[in-house]
Amino acid sequence: MKHGVVITGIGLASSLGEGIDTHADALAAMAAPVVDATSFAPYPVHPLKALELDRQIPKKSDQRQMEPWQRLGVYAAGLALDGAGLKDDAAAKAVLQVIVAAGGGERDHAVDSAILTGLRGANAPGAFLNERLMGDLRPTLFLAQLSNLLAGNIGIVHGITGASRTFMGEEQAGVDAVRTAHARIAAGQAEIMLVGGSYNAERQDMLLLFELGGYLRKGDFAPVFERQAAPGLITGSASAFLVLESAERAAARGATVLARLDAVVATRSKRQPGAVEAALRGLLADLGPIAPGALAVSAATGVAGITAEEAAALATLPQARRVAAGDLLGHAVEAAFPVSVALAAAALSKGQAREAVVTGAGHWRGEGAARLVAL
């Protein structure tokens, strides 16, 4: 028996602010994005709007031991739990399962800089490096924060004692996090799940990594599908978490349903010319017939080639209103697909459309799509 999957909680935080209303209104009006073009010039980023962390992370000690990407994710997860009416439901949180899409965690720039500076004048570079690594590593025995610390801190701060999983792998991690959560509930393997991701774009190390691959846009902001002259990512600090429930469970507890998550599908093409478009066309076909005038929210990157192919696939949707999430809040890498699903669900909950499709092709691997329906 296949169970219906519904969304009963949405937690969203980005450069636009926080909450369903803020993001749904911005989507409806296609509000001007918040862009910082100077702090990391020549690379523009969408900076996170300041959050009142005490509202979702009341202990200062918890806040201090987290890096920005974790604080952002824990905060958004709390918003989702509040929206679903689960923050004080100990019984529900005992069975609530968590799936997080995460990157490699944030590095300690001070340690990195000190080691690189010291290596220049070291008489024995190898011995110097070993000594510094042994003395300067975090207690987690990793130069960067471990990826599963976000799921752990969500559990600690919000009192969730159910199982947790952390997926890594850039944008595809976000796709598979949502896909797996949906599949487990649909198959009756779980009744309620918290799924999402978090990304801090205001990091020199990540900007360096993307620039080494030639993925970043330089100069001023331009809409995702209008970057042909200077293609590339404009990353944004953002987090989205969704509370997914079986329709039966949501009805039994009288929960407010924001949207139904009908299907989530994914694939991985070989990235030859035309492969991304073909993969996305296939995924859209797997979702079933799409009603004319549906909202199409794209997690497209802005990177040359694959963005044009994603646009071509979306052009096959009948009279769809196409929106790039990156136009509003930037590209959030691992969190890009959960953010796009959350934006679509927020729009449906506010009556902006009756049906929505979400697509996303990662900057170098993986494609995904989802279909949502208003209730």
Protein backbone atom coordinates (compact mmCIF):
# COMPACT_ATOMS: atom_id res chain seq x y z
CA MET A 1 0.00 0.00 0.00
CA LYS A 2 1.38 3.39 -0.98
CA HIS A 3 0.80 6.17 1.53
CA GLY A 4 0.20 9.80 0.62
CA VAL A 5 2.96 12.18 1.75
CA VAL A 6 2.11 15.68 2.92
CA ILE A 7 4.09 18.69 4.12
CA THR A 8 2.98 19.96 7.52
CA GLY A 9 5.92 22.18 8.45
CA ILE A 10 8.30 24.46 6.55
CA GLY A 11 11.37 26.18 7.94
CA LEU A 12 13.01 28.71 5.62
CA ALA A 13 15.76 31.24 6.29
CA SER A 14 17.82 33.14 3.72
CA SER A 15 18.99 36.56 2.62
CA LEU A 16 15.31 37.49 2.36
CA GLY A 17 14.62 36.78 6.01
CA GLU A 18 12.72 33.87 7.52
CA GLY A 19 9.36 32.14 7.36
CA ILE A 20 6.75 31.03 4.87
CA ASP A 21 5.09 34.42 4.42
CA THR A 22 8.33 36.26 3.70
CA HIS A 23 9.41 33.81 1.03
CA ALA A 24 5.97 33.25 -0.52
CA ASP A 25 5.50 37.01 -0.87
CA ALA A 26 8.94 37.40 -2.43
CA LEU A 27 8.19 34.58 -4.86
CA ALA A 28 4.85 36.06 -5.86
CA ALA A 29 6.35 39.49 -6.52
CA MET A 30 9.78 38.22 -7.66
CA ALA A 31 11.25 40.66 -5.19
CA ALA A 32 14.66 42.18 -5.79
CA PRO A 33 17.34 39.92 -4.30
CA VAL A 34 19.69 40.93 -1.50
CA VAL A 35 23.20 40.77 -2.96
CA ASP A 36 26.60 41.60 -1.49
CA ALA A 37 28.93 42.42 -4.39
CA THR A 38 31.81 43.86 -2.33
CA SER A 39 32.73 41.58 0.59
CA PHE A 40 33.99 38.78 -1.66
CA ALA A 41 34.59 40.77 -4.85
CA PRO A 42 34.66 39.97 -7.69
CA TYR A 43 32.19 37.27 -6.58
CA PRO A 44 28.68 38.36 -5.52
CA VAL A 45 26.90 36.40 -2.78
CA HIS A 46 23.47 36.50 -1.14
CA PRO A 47 24.25 37.07 2.58
CA LEU A 48 22.10 35.68 5.34
CA LYS A 49 19.76 38.16 7.00
CA ALA A 50 20.52 38.33 10.71
CA LEU A 51 18.47 35.89 12.80
CA GLU A 52 17.34 36.10 16.43
CA LEU A 53 19.07 32.85 17.28
CA ASP A 54 17.69 32.78 20.83
CA ARG A 55 14.24 32.04 19.44
CA GLN A 56 15.27 28.58 18.20
CA ILE A 57 18.62 27.98 19.95
CA PRO A 58 18.02 29.29 23.47
CA LYS A 59 21.34 28.19 25.04
CA LYS A 60 24.27 30.48 24.29
CA SER A 61 26.62 27.54 24.84
CA ASP A 62 24.90 25.67 22.00
CA GLN A 63 25.21 28.70 19.73
CA ARG A 64 28.91 29.12 20.50
CA GLN A 65 29.88 25.56 19.66
CA MET A 66 28.26 25.73 16.21
CA GLU A 67 29.60 27.33 13.07
CA PRO A 68 27.23 29.54 10.98
CA TRP A 69 26.00 26.74 8.70
CA GLN A 70 24.93 24.70 11.73
CA ARG A 71 23.25 27.58 13.54
CA LEU A 72 21.34 28.36 10.35
CA GLY A 73 20.25 24.74 9.87
CA VAL A 74 19.23 24.23 13.50
CA TYR A 75 17.26 27.49 13.35
CA ALA A 76 15.39 26.49 10.17
CA ALA A 77 14.68 23.04 11.59
CA GLY A 78 13.11 24.70 14.62
CA LEU A 79 10.92 26.83 12.37
CA ALA A 80 9.70 23.68 10.60
CA LEU A 81 8.90 21.97 13.91
CA ASP A 82 7.03 25.06 15.10
CA GLY A 83 5.04 25.20 11.88
CA ALA A 84 4.07 21.55 12.21
CA GLY A 85 3.08 21.98 15.85
CA LEU A 86 5.68 19.47 17.02
CA LYS A 87 8.11 21.57 19.05
CA ASP A 88 6.60 20.45 22.39
CA ASP A 89 5.41 16.99 21.28
CA ALA A 90 7.90 14.64 22.94
CA ALA A 91 6.12 11.53 21.67
CA ALA A 92 6.30 12.71 18.06
CA LYS A 93 9.95 13.71 18.40
CA ALA A 94 10.78 10.25 19.72
CA VAL A 95 9.78 8.70 16.39
CA LEU A 96 10.68 11.64 14.14
CA GLN A 97 13.48 10.68 11.75
CA VAL A 98 15.90 13.30 10.41
CA ILE A 99 17.67 13.42 7.04
CA VAL A 100 20.15 16.23 6.44
CA ALA A 101 21.93 17.21 3.23
CA ALA A 102 25.29 18.67 4.23
CA GLY A 103 28.66 19.64 2.84
CA GLY A 104 32.04 19.04 4.42
CA GLY A 105 31.50 21.47 7.27
CA GLU A 106 33.27 24.76 7.82
CA ARG A 107 37.04 25.01 8.08
CA ASP A 108 39.03 26.87 10.71
CA HIS A 109 40.49 29.65 8.56
CA ALA A 110 42.82 30.82 11.33
CA VAL A 111 44.42 27.37 11.60
CA ASP A 112 44.66 27.02 7.82
CA SER A 113 46.31 30.42 7.48
CA ALA A 114 48.77 29.82 10.32
CA ILE A 115 49.86 26.47 8.89
CA LEU A 116 50.32 27.82 5.37
CA THR A 117 52.24 30.83 6.65
CA GLY A 118 54.49 28.67 8.82
CA LEU A 119 55.23 26.23 6.01
CA ARG A 120 56.96 28.98 4.03
CA GLY A 121 59.79 29.30 6.52
CA ALA A 122 59.88 25.78 7.98
CA ASN A 123 63.22 23.97 7.73
CA ALA A 124 61.43 20.63 7.73
CA PRO A 125 58.02 21.26 6.14
CA GLY A 126 56.82 17.69 6.58
CA ALA A 127 57.59 17.55 10.27
CA PHE A 128 56.16 21.05 10.79
CA LEU A 129 52.91 20.09 9.05
CA ASN A 130 52.51 16.90 11.09
CA GLU A 131 53.18 18.73 14.33
CA ARG A 132 50.69 21.49 13.60
CA LEU A 133 48.00 19.10 12.43
CA MET A 134 48.37 17.02 15.59
CA GLY A 135 48.19 20.10 17.79
CA ASP A 136 45.64 22.22 15.99
CA LEU A 137 42.99 19.71 14.91
CA ARG A 138 39.51 20.09 16.30
CA PRO A 139 38.41 17.54 18.91
CA THR A 140 36.48 15.91 16.06
CA LEU A 141 39.86 14.95 14.50
CA PHE A 142 39.00 16.78 11.30
CA LEU A 143 40.14 20.18 10.03
CA ALA A 144 36.57 20.97 9.06
CA GLN A 145 33.47 20.35 11.15
CA LEU A 146 32.03 16.91 10.58
CA SER A 147 29.00 16.90 8.31
CA ASN A 148 26.82 14.90 10.69
CA LEU A 149 27.16 17.51 13.44
CA LEU A 150 24.21 19.41 11.97
CA ALA A 151 21.88 16.43 12.42
CA GLY A 152 23.33 15.90 15.88
CA ASN A 153 22.77 19.48 16.94
CA ILE A 154 19.22 19.46 15.58
CA GLY A 155 18.58 16.47 17.80
CA ILE A 156 20.23 18.00 20.85
CA VAL A 157 18.70 21.47 20.62
CA HIS A 158 15.19 20.38 19.64
CA GLY A 159 15.00 17.16 21.65
CA ILE A 160 14.62 14.79 18.69
CA THR A 161 15.55 11.23 19.61
CA GLY A 162 14.63 9.40 16.41
CA ALA A 163 17.15 8.12 13.86
CA SER A 164 19.16 10.54 11.71
CA ARG A 165 21.03 10.30 8.42
CA THR A 166 23.37 12.73 6.69
CA PHE A 167 23.81 12.79 2.91
CA MET A 168 26.80 14.37 1.19
CA GLY A 169 27.41 15.09 -2.49
CA GLU A 170 26.66 18.69 -3.44
CA GLU A 171 23.20 19.38 -4.93
CA GLN A 172 22.41 15.69 -5.35
CA ALA A 173 22.60 15.25 -1.58
CA GLY A 174 19.61 17.59 -1.25
CA VAL A 175 17.70 15.78 -3.99
CA ASP A 176 18.27 12.36 -2.47
CA ALA A 177 17.51 13.56 1.05
CA VAL A 178 14.03 14.67 -0.03
CA ARG A 179 13.57 11.65 -2.30
CA THR A 180 14.51 9.18 0.44
CA ALA A 181 12.31 10.83 3.06
CA HIS A 182 9.36 10.78 0.66
CA ALA A 183 10.00 7.16 -0.33
CA ARG A 184 10.22 5.93 3.26
CA ILE A 185 6.88 7.48 4.20
CA ALA A 186 5.19 6.38 0.96
CA ALA A 187 6.36 2.80 1.58
CA GLY A 188 5.17 2.79 5.19
CA GLN A 189 8.73 2.57 6.58
CA ALA A 190 8.23 5.81 8.50
CA GLU A 191 5.30 8.05 9.36
CA ILE A 192 7.01 11.38 9.95
CA MET A 193 10.36 12.85 8.91
CA LEU A 194 12.30 16.11 9.10
CA VAL A 195 14.39 16.67 5.98
CA GLY A 196 16.45 19.57 4.69
CA GLY A 197 19.83 21.19 4.37
CA SER A 198 21.84 24.29 5.18
CA TYR A 199 24.54 26.26 3.39
CA ASN A 200 26.70 29.19 4.42
CA ALA A 201 27.79 31.05 1.27
CA GLU A 202 29.93 33.58 3.11
CA ARG A 203 33.00 31.35 3.15
CA GLN A 204 36.28 32.07 1.39
CA ASP A 205 37.19 28.38 1.25
CA MET A 206 34.06 27.40 -0.69
CA LEU A 207 34.36 30.35 -3.04
CA LEU A 208 37.94 29.25 -3.72
CA LEU A 209 36.88 25.67 -4.43
CA PHE A 210 34.17 26.76 -6.86
CA GLU A 211 36.45 29.28 -8.57
CA LEU A 212 39.16 26.65 -9.09
CA GLY A 213 36.60 24.76 -11.15
CA GLY A 214 35.53 27.88 -13.03
CA TYR A 215 32.00 27.74 -11.59
CA LEU A 216 31.57 31.24 -10.11
CA ARG A 217 30.03 34.28 -11.74
CA LYS A 218 32.05 37.47 -11.50
CA GLY A 219 30.68 41.00 -11.35
CA ASP A 220 27.12 42.13 -10.82
CA PHE A 221 24.04 40.00 -10.15
CA ALA A 222 22.05 38.69 -13.11
CA PRO A 223 19.07 36.31 -13.14
CA VAL A 224 19.99 32.63 -13.33
CA PHE A 225 18.71 32.12 -16.88
CA GLU A 226 20.24 35.38 -18.13
CA ARG A 227 23.91 34.84 -17.37
CA GLN A 228 25.08 33.77 -20.81
CA ALA A 229 27.62 36.62 -21.03
CA ALA A 230 29.19 35.67 -17.69
CA PRO A 231 27.81 32.32 -16.53
CA GLY A 232 28.34 30.85 -13.12
CA LEU A 233 27.10 30.35 -9.57
CA ILE A 234 26.03 33.14 -7.29
CA THR A 235 25.85 31.33 -4.00
CA GLY A 236 23.49 32.23 -1.18
CA SER A 237 23.31 31.49 2.53
CA ALA A 238 20.07 29.61 3.03
CA SER A 239 18.45 26.71 4.85
CA ALA A 240 15.21 24.84 4.41
CA PHE A 241 13.68 22.03 6.43
CA LEU A 242 10.40 20.24 5.77
CA VAL A 243 8.26 18.13 8.06
CA LEU A 244 6.89 15.30 5.92
CA GLU A 245 4.11 13.07 7.23
CA SER A 246 1.90 10.33 5.97
CA ALA A 247 -1.48 11.77 5.07
CA GLU A 248 -3.12 9.41 7.55
CA ARG A 249 -0.97 10.55 10.45
CA ALA A 250 -1.44 14.22 9.64
CA ALA A 251 -5.21 13.77 9.47
CA ALA A 252 -5.33 11.82 12.72
CA ARG A 253 -3.62 14.61 14.67
CA GLY A 254 -5.51 17.39 12.89
CA ALA A 255 -2.38 18.93 11.39
CA THR A 256 -2.59 21.76 8.87
CA VAL A 257 -1.39 20.43 5.52
CA LEU A 258 0.55 22.97 3.46
CA ALA A 259 0.87 20.84 0.31
CA ARG A 260 1.01 17.26 -0.86
CA LEU A 261 4.38 15.96 -2.06
CA ASP A 262 3.28 13.63 -4.83
CA ALA A 263 6.59 12.38 -6.19
CA VAL A 264 10.35 12.91 -6.03
CA VAL A 265 12.59 11.40 -8.69
CA ALA A 266 16.31 11.51 -9.43
CA THR A 267 18.94 10.32 -11.88
CA ARG A 268 22.56 10.96 -12.77
CA SER A 269 23.57 11.63 -16.36
CA LYS A 270 27.07 11.41 -17.84
CA ARG A 271 27.00 15.16 -18.56
CA GLN A 272 27.67 14.91 -22.25
CA PRO A 273 26.08 17.71 -24.35
CA GLY A 274 22.31 17.31 -24.22
CA ALA A 275 22.42 14.73 -21.40
CA VAL A 276 21.08 17.05 -18.69
CA GLU A 277 18.12 18.14 -20.81
CA ALA A 278 17.33 14.53 -21.68
CA ALA A 279 17.62 13.47 -18.04
CA LEU A 280 15.32 16.24 -16.83
CA ARG A 281 12.80 15.56 -19.59
CA GLY A 282 12.74 11.94 -18.48
CA LEU A 283 12.24 12.90 -14.83
CA LEU A 284 9.41 15.27 -15.72
CA ALA A 285 7.76 12.46 -17.64
CA ASP A 286 8.15 10.21 -14.59
CA LEU A 287 6.22 12.75 -12.51
CA GLY A 288 3.14 12.27 -14.70
CA PRO A 289 0.97 14.84 -16.49
CA ILE A 290 1.60 18.41 -15.33
CA ALA A 291 -1.42 20.73 -15.33
CA PRO A 292 -1.21 23.82 -17.56
CA GLY A 293 -0.14 26.90 -15.63
CA ALA A 294 1.73 25.01 -12.92
CA LEU A 295 4.44 26.79 -10.97
CA ALA A 296 7.90 25.56 -12.00
CA VAL A 297 10.59 26.29 -9.40
CA SER A 298 14.11 25.61 -10.67
CA ALA A 299 17.19 25.05 -8.53
CA ALA A 300 19.35 25.75 -11.60
CA THR A 301 22.91 26.80 -10.87
CA GLY A 302 23.66 29.42 -13.51
CA VAL A 303 26.66 27.41 -14.70
CA ALA A 304 27.17 27.40 -18.47
CA GLY A 305 25.67 24.55 -20.45
CA ILE A 306 23.60 22.73 -17.85
CA THR A 307 21.54 25.83 -17.04
CA ALA A 308 20.52 26.26 -20.68
CA GLU A 309 19.64 22.57 -20.83
CA GLU A 310 17.49 22.85 -17.70
CA ALA A 311 15.72 25.84 -19.25
CA ALA A 312 15.05 23.81 -22.39
CA ALA A 313 13.55 20.96 -20.36
CA LEU A 314 11.31 23.36 -18.44
CA ALA A 315 10.13 24.91 -21.69
CA THR A 316 8.27 21.66 -22.39
CA LEU A 317 5.91 22.24 -19.45
CA PRO A 318 2.54 23.58 -20.65
CA GLN A 319 2.19 27.30 -19.83
CA ALA A 320 4.24 26.93 -16.65
CA ARG A 321 5.36 29.96 -14.67
CA ARG A 322 9.11 29.39 -14.44
CA VAL A 323 10.95 30.76 -11.41
CA ALA A 324 14.61 30.26 -10.49
CA ALA A 325 15.14 30.01 -6.75
CA GLY A 326 18.58 31.51 -7.32
CA ASP A 327 16.99 34.73 -8.53
CA LEU A 328 15.55 35.27 -5.06
CA LEU A 329 18.12 33.91 -2.62
CA GLY A 330 21.08 32.51 -4.52
CA HIS A 331 22.31 28.96 -5.02
CA ALA A 332 22.54 26.99 -1.77
CA VAL A 333 24.36 23.89 -3.11
CA GLU A 334 23.33 20.96 -0.83
CA ALA A 335 20.32 22.92 0.37
CA ALA A 336 19.32 24.13 -3.12
CA PHE A 337 16.74 21.41 -3.80
CA PRO A 338 15.14 21.45 -0.32
CA VAL A 339 14.98 25.25 -0.55
CA SER A 340 13.25 25.04 -3.93
CA VAL A 341 10.74 22.45 -2.67
CA ALA A 342 10.07 24.64 0.37
CA LEU A 343 9.51 27.69 -1.85
CA ALA A 344 7.08 25.74 -4.02
CA ALA A 345 5.19 24.41 -0.99
CA ALA A 346 5.02 27.90 0.52
CA ALA A 347 3.55 29.26 -2.71
CA LEU A 348 0.94 26.48 -2.87
CA SER A 349 -0.02 27.04 0.76
CA LYS A 350 -0.74 30.70 -0.06
CA GLY A 351 -2.91 29.85 -3.07
CA GLN A 352 -0.45 31.10 -5.68
CA ALA A 353 -0.86 27.91 -7.75
CA ARG A 354 -2.62 24.57 -7.61
CA GLU A 355 0.37 22.50 -8.68
CA ALA A 356 4.13 22.92 -8.69
CA VAL A 357 7.13 21.22 -10.22
CA VAL A 358 10.66 21.52 -8.85
CA THR A 359 13.75 20.72 -10.91
CA GLY A 360 17.45 20.86 -10.21
CA ALA A 361 20.63 19.86 -12.02
CA GLY A 362 23.78 20.00 -9.91
CA HIS A 363 26.80 22.00 -10.99
CA TRP A 364 28.64 18.83 -11.94
CA ARG A 365 26.53 15.78 -11.16
CA GLY A 366 22.98 14.62 -10.61
CA GLU A 367 19.48 15.72 -11.58
CA GLY A 368 16.24 15.71 -9.61
CA ALA A 369 12.58 16.69 -9.84
CA ALA A 370 9.54 16.80 -7.57
CA ARG A 371 5.84 17.39 -7.97
CA LEU A 372 3.65 19.11 -5.38
CA VAL A 373 -0.10 19.64 -5.27
CA ALA A 374 -2.13 22.14 -3.24
CA LEU A 375 -4.84 20.85 -0.91
